[in-house]
N, C-alpha and C. Protein backbone atom coordinates (compact mmCIF):
# COMPACT_ATOMS: atom_id res chain seq x y z
N MET A 1 -25.51 -2.04 12.12
CA MET A 1 -25.62 -0.60 11.92
C MET A 1 -24.27 0.08 12.16
N LYS A 2 -23.60 -0.27 13.27
CA LYS A 2 -22.31 0.35 13.59
C LYS A 2 -21.29 0.06 12.49
N ILE A 3 -21.33 -1.14 11.94
CA ILE A 3 -20.38 -1.51 10.90
C ILE A 3 -20.59 -0.66 9.65
N SER A 4 -21.83 -0.43 9.26
CA SER A 4 -22.08 0.34 8.04
C SER A 4 -21.69 1.81 8.23
N VAL A 5 -21.86 2.36 9.42
CA VAL A 5 -21.43 3.73 9.70
C VAL A 5 -19.92 3.81 9.63
N LEU A 6 -19.24 2.86 10.23
CA LEU A 6 -17.78 2.83 10.19
C LEU A 6 -17.29 2.69 8.75
N ALA A 7 -17.92 1.83 7.98
CA ALA A 7 -17.52 1.65 6.59
C ALA A 7 -17.71 2.95 5.80
N ALA A 8 -18.80 3.66 6.05
CA ALA A 8 -19.05 4.93 5.36
C ALA A 8 -17.99 5.97 5.72
N LEU A 9 -17.62 6.01 7.00
CA LEU A 9 -16.59 6.96 7.43
C LEU A 9 -15.23 6.64 6.79
N LEU A 10 -14.88 5.37 6.74
CA LEU A 10 -13.62 4.97 6.12
C LEU A 10 -13.62 5.29 4.63
N LEU A 11 -14.73 5.06 3.97
CA LEU A 11 -14.84 5.36 2.55
C LEU A 11 -14.69 6.86 2.31
N ALA A 12 -15.32 7.68 3.13
CA ALA A 12 -15.23 9.13 2.99
C ALA A 12 -13.80 9.61 3.22
N ALA A 13 -13.12 9.06 4.21
CA ALA A 13 -11.74 9.44 4.49
C ALA A 13 -10.82 9.05 3.35
N THR A 14 -11.04 7.89 2.77
CA THR A 14 -10.24 7.44 1.64
C THR A 14 -10.46 8.33 0.43
N ALA A 15 -11.70 8.72 0.18
CA ALA A 15 -12.01 9.59 -0.96
C ALA A 15 -11.36 10.95 -0.79
N GLN A 16 -11.36 11.48 0.42
CA GLN A 16 -10.73 12.78 0.66
C GLN A 16 -9.22 12.70 0.45
N THR A 17 -8.60 11.64 0.92
CA THR A 17 -7.17 11.45 0.74
C THR A 17 -6.83 11.34 -0.74
N ALA A 18 -7.62 10.59 -1.49
CA ALA A 18 -7.36 10.43 -2.91
C ALA A 18 -7.52 11.76 -3.64
N ALA A 19 -8.51 12.55 -3.27
CA ALA A 19 -8.72 13.86 -3.90
C ALA A 19 -7.54 14.78 -3.61
N ALA A 20 -7.02 14.73 -2.41
CA ALA A 20 -5.90 15.59 -2.03
C ALA A 20 -4.63 15.21 -2.77
N GLN A 21 -4.50 13.93 -3.17
CA GLN A 21 -3.30 13.48 -3.82
C GLN A 21 -3.39 13.49 -5.34
N SER A 22 -4.59 13.70 -5.88
CA SER A 22 -4.72 13.72 -7.33
C SER A 22 -4.17 15.03 -7.89
N GLY A 23 -3.90 15.02 -9.16
CA GLY A 23 -3.34 16.22 -9.80
C GLY A 23 -4.38 17.31 -9.93
N PRO A 24 -3.90 18.51 -10.22
CA PRO A 24 -4.81 19.65 -10.36
C PRO A 24 -5.66 19.54 -11.63
N THR A 25 -6.86 20.09 -11.54
CA THR A 25 -7.74 20.14 -12.71
C THR A 25 -7.24 21.21 -13.65
N PRO A 26 -7.71 21.22 -14.89
CA PRO A 26 -7.32 22.31 -15.81
C PRO A 26 -7.66 23.70 -15.24
N GLN A 27 -8.79 23.82 -14.58
CA GLN A 27 -9.16 25.10 -13.96
C GLN A 27 -8.16 25.49 -12.88
N GLU A 28 -7.77 24.53 -12.05
CA GLU A 28 -6.78 24.81 -10.99
C GLU A 28 -5.43 25.18 -11.60
N GLN A 29 -5.08 24.54 -12.70
CA GLN A 29 -3.83 24.87 -13.37
C GLN A 29 -3.84 26.31 -13.87
N MET A 30 -4.99 26.75 -14.39
CA MET A 30 -5.10 28.14 -14.86
C MET A 30 -4.98 29.12 -13.70
N ILE A 31 -5.54 28.76 -12.55
CA ILE A 31 -5.46 29.63 -11.37
C ILE A 31 -4.00 29.83 -10.97
N CYS A 32 -3.19 28.79 -11.10
CA CYS A 32 -1.79 28.86 -10.68
C CYS A 32 -0.81 29.17 -11.81
N ARG A 33 -1.30 29.37 -12.98
CA ARG A 33 -0.42 29.54 -14.14
C ARG A 33 0.59 30.67 -13.95
N SER A 34 0.13 31.83 -13.53
CA SER A 34 1.02 32.97 -13.36
C SER A 34 2.05 32.71 -12.26
N ASP A 35 1.60 32.17 -11.14
CA ASP A 35 2.51 31.86 -10.04
C ASP A 35 3.53 30.80 -10.44
N ALA A 36 3.08 29.80 -11.18
CA ALA A 36 3.99 28.73 -11.62
C ALA A 36 5.08 29.31 -12.54
N SER A 37 4.68 30.20 -13.43
CA SER A 37 5.67 30.82 -14.33
C SER A 37 6.63 31.73 -13.56
N LYS A 38 6.11 32.40 -12.57
CA LYS A 38 6.92 33.36 -11.82
C LYS A 38 7.91 32.69 -10.88
N PHE A 39 7.47 31.65 -10.16
CA PHE A 39 8.29 31.06 -9.12
C PHE A 39 8.92 29.70 -9.49
N CYS A 40 8.33 29.02 -10.47
CA CYS A 40 8.75 27.63 -10.72
C CYS A 40 8.91 27.32 -12.21
N ALA A 41 9.29 28.30 -13.01
CA ALA A 41 9.35 28.13 -14.47
C ALA A 41 10.21 26.94 -14.89
N GLU A 42 11.27 26.68 -14.14
CA GLU A 42 12.16 25.57 -14.52
C GLU A 42 11.51 24.19 -14.38
N HIS A 43 10.34 24.15 -13.75
CA HIS A 43 9.66 22.86 -13.53
C HIS A 43 8.43 22.69 -14.41
N ILE A 44 8.20 23.58 -15.36
CA ILE A 44 7.05 23.44 -16.26
C ILE A 44 7.20 22.15 -17.04
N GLY A 45 6.14 21.36 -17.07
CA GLY A 45 6.18 20.06 -17.75
C GLY A 45 6.64 18.92 -16.87
N LYS A 46 6.94 19.21 -15.61
CA LYS A 46 7.38 18.20 -14.65
C LYS A 46 6.47 18.30 -13.42
N PRO A 47 5.29 17.67 -13.48
CA PRO A 47 4.30 17.84 -12.40
C PRO A 47 4.81 17.60 -10.98
N PRO A 48 5.55 16.53 -10.70
CA PRO A 48 5.98 16.34 -9.30
C PRO A 48 6.88 17.48 -8.80
N GLN A 49 7.80 17.91 -9.66
CA GLN A 49 8.70 19.00 -9.27
C GLN A 49 7.94 20.32 -9.16
N MET A 50 6.98 20.55 -10.05
CA MET A 50 6.18 21.77 -10.01
C MET A 50 5.37 21.82 -8.71
N ASN A 51 4.75 20.72 -8.37
CA ASN A 51 3.96 20.68 -7.14
C ASN A 51 4.84 20.96 -5.92
N ALA A 52 6.02 20.36 -5.89
CA ALA A 52 6.93 20.59 -4.77
C ALA A 52 7.37 22.05 -4.72
N CYS A 53 7.66 22.63 -5.86
CA CYS A 53 8.08 24.03 -5.93
C CYS A 53 6.97 24.96 -5.44
N LEU A 54 5.75 24.70 -5.89
CA LEU A 54 4.63 25.54 -5.45
C LEU A 54 4.42 25.42 -3.94
N ARG A 55 4.57 24.20 -3.40
CA ARG A 55 4.46 24.04 -1.94
C ARG A 55 5.55 24.82 -1.22
N GLU A 56 6.76 24.78 -1.75
CA GLU A 56 7.88 25.50 -1.14
C GLU A 56 7.69 27.01 -1.17
N ASN A 57 6.97 27.49 -2.17
CA ASN A 57 6.75 28.93 -2.34
C ASN A 57 5.34 29.36 -1.93
N LYS A 58 4.67 28.52 -1.16
CA LYS A 58 3.27 28.76 -0.82
C LYS A 58 3.02 30.15 -0.24
N SER A 59 3.92 30.65 0.59
CA SER A 59 3.72 31.96 1.22
C SER A 59 3.77 33.10 0.21
N LYS A 60 4.33 32.87 -0.97
CA LYS A 60 4.46 33.89 -1.99
C LYS A 60 3.34 33.84 -3.04
N LEU A 61 2.54 32.77 -3.01
CA LEU A 61 1.54 32.56 -4.05
C LEU A 61 0.33 33.47 -3.88
N SER A 62 -0.39 33.67 -4.98
CA SER A 62 -1.66 34.39 -4.92
C SER A 62 -2.64 33.59 -4.06
N ASP A 63 -3.66 34.25 -3.55
CA ASP A 63 -4.62 33.57 -2.69
C ASP A 63 -5.24 32.36 -3.37
N GLY A 64 -5.64 32.52 -4.64
CA GLY A 64 -6.27 31.42 -5.36
C GLY A 64 -5.36 30.23 -5.52
N CYS A 65 -4.14 30.48 -5.90
CA CYS A 65 -3.18 29.38 -6.10
C CYS A 65 -2.84 28.73 -4.76
N ARG A 66 -2.70 29.53 -3.73
CA ARG A 66 -2.41 28.95 -2.40
C ARG A 66 -3.53 27.99 -1.99
N LYS A 67 -4.77 28.35 -2.27
CA LYS A 67 -5.89 27.48 -1.94
C LYS A 67 -5.83 26.17 -2.74
N VAL A 68 -5.43 26.28 -4.00
CA VAL A 68 -5.29 25.07 -4.83
C VAL A 68 -4.21 24.17 -4.25
N VAL A 69 -3.06 24.74 -3.92
CA VAL A 69 -1.95 23.96 -3.36
C VAL A 69 -2.39 23.30 -2.04
N GLU A 70 -3.06 24.04 -1.19
CA GLU A 70 -3.53 23.48 0.09
C GLU A 70 -4.56 22.38 -0.12
N SER A 71 -5.39 22.51 -1.14
CA SER A 71 -6.42 21.49 -1.39
C SER A 71 -5.82 20.19 -1.89
N HIS A 72 -4.57 20.24 -2.34
CA HIS A 72 -3.87 19.06 -2.81
C HIS A 72 -2.80 18.61 -1.82
N GLY A 73 -2.97 18.98 -0.56
CA GLY A 73 -2.08 18.48 0.49
C GLY A 73 -0.86 19.31 0.73
N GLY A 74 -0.78 20.47 0.14
CA GLY A 74 0.42 21.30 0.31
C GLY A 74 0.30 22.35 1.38
């Protein structure tokens, strides 16, 4: 019993980590579209650089976009 509970906890932790590291959904991209254009236009089409730029500008982002960035580990 203890082993199956531990396995379930490890699986849940792994799933959460994977979700935090995956890219944004189309809906999340729309939420951040205005902020991305305003603060990180030079990184459009370059997802790793865009994500880093949005994290660096997190304090300036709209509430919705800030939540998206935070949900992806930023």
